[in-house]
Amino acid sequence: MRTFIIFLSLILFGCEKEPLCGCEPKPPTWVDIKPILLNHGCIGCHNSNNMQGYVNLDSSTGVIHEMVRGTFYNAIRVPSGGAYALMPPYTSTYIMMDSLEIRKFIDWGLNDYRIK
């Protein structure tokens, strides 16, 4: 019985912010972000050798630069009333990022670079 009470206490009070849901997940890092860019074809067109639109997304510095400028988020989100995001182009074989992937970029920028 004592073991059960200790175990239950650890589950309920192990984290300060959300005791019933578990600890907060680890914030995303560049290691989490780069595969999203690769999977959606971003780095294929926007890299140091082929800077389409003068955008380089093959490094964290390049992505942060575009996030600070505001161009990155505007390119990957679907505008209200729209059907497609600007990137990737609707003629591309790649699919648009979903809202969870976009959220990872926002969290990464807020946590690692304090972008607001």
C-alpha atoms as a PDB file:
ATOM      1  CA  MET A   1       0.000   0.000   0.000  1.00  0.00           C
ATOM      2  CA  ARG A   2       2.805   2.406   0.866  1.00  0.00           C
ATOM      3  CA  THR A   3       4.452   1.758  -2.534  1.00  0.00           C
ATOM      4  CA  PHE A   4       1.196   2.534  -4.297  1.00  0.00           C
ATOM      5  CA  ILE A   5       0.823   5.862  -2.451  1.00  0.00           C
ATOM      6  CA  ILE A   6       4.409   6.845  -3.275  1.00  0.00           C
ATOM      7  CA  PHE A   7       3.920   5.901  -6.920  1.00  0.00           C
ATOM      8  CA  LEU A   8       0.649   7.839  -7.130  1.00  0.00           C
ATOM      9  CA  SER A   9       2.275  10.882  -5.492  1.00  0.00           C
ATOM     10  CA  LEU A  10       5.080  10.847  -8.047  1.00  0.00           C
ATOM     11  CA  ILE A  11       2.614  10.731 -10.900  1.00  0.00           C
ATOM     12  CA  LEU A  12       0.380  13.476  -9.532  1.00  0.00           C
ATOM     13  CA  PHE A  13       3.041  15.815  -8.194  1.00  0.00           C
ATOM     14  CA  GLY A  14       6.104  14.977 -10.284  1.00  0.00           C
ATOM     15  CA  CYS A  15       5.802  18.118 -12.400  1.00  0.00           C
ATOM     16  CA  GLU A  16       4.868  21.587 -11.280  1.00  0.00           C
ATOM     17  CA  LYS A  17       2.990  22.790 -14.360  1.00  0.00           C
ATOM     18  CA  GLU A  18       0.826  19.877 -15.498  1.00  0.00           C
ATOM     19  CA  PRO A  19       0.837  17.151 -12.854  1.00  0.00           C
ATOM     20  CA  LEU A  20      -1.909  15.031 -14.417  1.00  0.00           C
ATOM     21  CA  CYS A  21      -0.653  15.239 -17.980  1.00  0.00           C
ATOM     22  CA  GLY A  22       3.048  14.599 -17.397  1.00  0.00           C
ATOM     23  CA  CYS A  23       6.053  16.833 -17.814  1.00  0.00           C
ATOM     24  CA  GLU A  24       6.329  19.365 -20.594  1.00  0.00           C
ATOM     25  CA  PRO A  25       7.942  17.968 -23.716  1.00  0.00           C
ATOM     26  CA  LYS A  26      11.475  18.991 -24.593  1.00  0.00           C
ATOM     27  CA  PRO A  27      11.459  22.076 -26.854  1.00  0.00           C
ATOM     28  CA  PRO A  28      12.397  21.368 -30.484  1.00  0.00           C
ATOM     29  CA  THR A  29      15.976  21.901 -31.648  1.00  0.00           C
ATOM     30  CA  TRP A  30      17.596  22.194 -35.088  1.00  0.00           C
ATOM     31  CA  VAL A  31      17.848  18.378 -35.083  1.00  0.00           C
ATOM     32  CA  ASP A  32      14.020  18.276 -34.998  1.00  0.00           C
ATOM     33  CA  ILE A  33      13.558  21.097 -37.507  1.00  0.00           C
ATOM     34  CA  LYS A  34      15.929  20.131 -40.333  1.00  0.00           C
ATOM     35  CA  PRO A  35      14.123  16.859 -41.238  1.00  0.00           C
ATOM     36  CA  ILE A  36      10.869  18.795 -41.682  1.00  0.00           C
ATOM     37  CA  LEU A  37      12.597  21.096 -44.161  1.00  0.00           C
ATOM     38  CA  LEU A  38      14.046  18.106 -46.001  1.00  0.00           C
ATOM     39  CA  ASN A  39      10.749  16.189 -46.095  1.00  0.00           C
ATOM     40  CA  HIS A  40       8.870  19.132 -47.570  1.00  0.00           C
ATOM     41  CA  GLY A  41      11.540  19.914 -50.165  1.00  0.00           C
ATOM     42  CA  CYS A  42      12.486  23.311 -48.732  1.00  0.00           C
ATOM     43  CA  ILE A  43      16.238  22.715 -48.667  1.00  0.00           C
ATOM     44  CA  GLY A  44      16.198  21.343 -52.229  1.00  0.00           C
ATOM     45  CA  CYS A  45      15.361  24.803 -53.630  1.00  0.00           C
ATOM     46  CA  HIS A  46      16.553  27.073 -50.842  1.00  0.00           C
ATOM     47  CA  ASN A  47      20.162  26.126 -50.113  1.00  0.00           C
ATOM     48  CA  SER A  48      23.581  27.744 -50.329  1.00  0.00           C
ATOM     49  CA  ASN A  49      24.078  26.482 -53.912  1.00  0.00           C
ATOM     50  CA  ASN A  50      20.582  27.252 -55.223  1.00  0.00           C
ATOM     51  CA  MET A  51      19.111  30.212 -53.356  1.00  0.00           C
ATOM     52  CA  GLN A  52      15.674  30.449 -54.976  1.00  0.00           C
ATOM     53  CA  GLY A  53      14.212  33.810 -54.021  1.00  0.00           C
ATOM     54  CA  TYR A  54      17.508  34.644 -52.278  1.00  0.00           C
ATOM     55  CA  VAL A  55      16.474  32.339 -49.413  1.00  0.00           C
ATOM     56  CA  ASN A  56      18.883  29.847 -47.819  1.00  0.00           C
ATOM     57  CA  LEU A  57      17.283  27.300 -45.476  1.00  0.00           C
ATOM     58  CA  ASP A  58      20.066  24.720 -45.188  1.00  0.00           C
ATOM     59  CA  SER A  59      21.288  26.097 -41.843  1.00  0.00           C
ATOM     60  CA  SER A  60      19.614  27.188 -38.639  1.00  0.00           C
ATOM     61  CA  THR A  61      20.986  30.691 -39.202  1.00  0.00           C
ATOM     62  CA  GLY A  62      19.250  30.930 -42.582  1.00  0.00           C
ATOM     63  CA  VAL A  63      15.918  29.751 -41.209  1.00  0.00           C
ATOM     64  CA  ILE A  64      16.110  32.130 -38.254  1.00  0.00           C
ATOM     65  CA  HIS A  65      16.954  34.987 -40.634  1.00  0.00           C
ATOM     66  CA  GLU A  66      13.762  34.306 -42.615  1.00  0.00           C
ATOM     67  CA  MET A  67      11.717  33.876 -39.431  1.00  0.00           C
ATOM     68  CA  VAL A  68      12.901  37.248 -38.128  1.00  0.00           C
ATOM     69  CA  ARG A  69      12.068  38.872 -41.469  1.00  0.00           C
ATOM     70  CA  GLY A  70       8.591  37.311 -41.270  1.00  0.00           C
ATOM     71  CA  THR A  71       8.847  35.702 -44.685  1.00  0.00           C
ATOM     72  CA  PHE A  72       9.163  32.106 -43.484  1.00  0.00           C
ATOM     73  CA  TYR A  73       5.876  31.868 -41.612  1.00  0.00           C
ATOM     74  CA  ASN A  74       4.002  33.753 -44.320  1.00  0.00           C
ATOM     75  CA  ALA A  75       5.286  31.310 -46.940  1.00  0.00           C
ATOM     76  CA  ILE A  76       4.412  28.067 -45.134  1.00  0.00           C
ATOM     77  CA  ARG A  77       0.995  28.909 -43.670  1.00  0.00           C
ATOM     78  CA  VAL A  78      -2.261  28.782 -45.600  1.00  0.00           C
ATOM     79  CA  PRO A  79      -3.719  32.306 -45.673  1.00  0.00           C
ATOM     80  CA  SER A  80      -7.260  32.701 -44.357  1.00  0.00           C
ATOM     81  CA  GLY A  81      -9.690  31.898 -47.129  1.00  0.00           C
ATOM     82  CA  GLY A  82      -6.929  30.280 -49.171  1.00  0.00           C
ATOM     83  CA  ALA A  83      -6.452  26.699 -50.223  1.00  0.00           C
ATOM     84  CA  TYR A  84      -2.663  26.525 -50.520  1.00  0.00           C
ATOM     85  CA  ALA A  85       0.389  27.916 -48.812  1.00  0.00           C
ATOM     86  CA  LEU A  86       2.916  29.759 -50.957  1.00  0.00           C
ATOM     87  CA  MET A  87       5.502  27.069 -50.209  1.00  0.00           C
ATOM     88  CA  PRO A  88       5.877  24.505 -51.478  1.00  0.00           C
ATOM     89  CA  PRO A  89       4.341  25.646 -54.765  1.00  0.00           C
ATOM     90  CA  TYR A  90       1.068  23.874 -55.530  1.00  0.00           C
ATOM     91  CA  THR A  91       2.705  22.416 -58.658  1.00  0.00           C
ATOM     92  CA  SER A  92       5.318  20.700 -56.471  1.00  0.00           C
ATOM     93  CA  THR A  93       5.238  17.014 -55.586  1.00  0.00           C
ATOM     94  CA  TYR A  94       5.860  17.964 -51.938  1.00  0.00           C
ATOM     95  CA  ILE A  95       3.001  18.561 -49.520  1.00  0.00           C
ATOM     96  CA  MET A  96       2.440  21.569 -47.286  1.00  0.00           C
ATOM     97  CA  MET A  97       3.470  21.536 -43.648  1.00  0.00           C
ATOM     98  CA  ASP A  98       0.729  20.699 -41.209  1.00  0.00           C
ATOM     99  CA  SER A  99      -0.101  22.834 -38.191  1.00  0.00           C
ATOM    100  CA  LEU A 100       1.950  20.664 -35.793  1.00  0.00           C
ATOM    101  CA  GLU A 101       5.073  21.055 -37.930  1.00  0.00           C
ATOM    102  CA  ILE A 102       4.549  24.800 -38.150  1.00  0.00           C
ATOM    103  CA  ARG A 103       4.106  24.891 -34.370  1.00  0.00           C
ATOM    104  CA  LYS A 104       7.519  23.214 -33.991  1.00  0.00           C
ATOM    105  CA  PHE A 105       9.129  26.088 -35.908  1.00  0.00           C
ATOM    106  CA  ILE A 106       7.387  28.646 -33.727  1.00  0.00           C
ATOM    107  CA  ASP A 107       8.406  26.838 -30.529  1.00  0.00           C
ATOM    108  CA  TRP A 108      11.971  26.430 -31.787  1.00  0.00           C
ATOM    109  CA  GLY A 109      12.251  30.127 -32.603  1.00  0.00           C
ATOM    110  CA  LEU A 110      10.761  31.168 -29.265  1.00  0.00           C
ATOM    111  CA  ASN A 111      12.889  28.800 -27.191  1.00  0.00           C
ATOM    112  CA  ASP A 112      16.253  28.890 -28.954  1.00  0.00           C
ATOM    113  CA  TYR A 113      16.282  32.399 -30.396  1.00  0.00           C
ATOM    114  CA  ARG A 114      13.616  34.339 -28.477  1.00  0.00           C
ATOM    115  CA  ILE A 115      11.864  35.367 -31.698  1.00  0.00           C
ATOM    116  CA  LYS A 116       8.589  37.144 -30.996  1.00  0.00           C
END
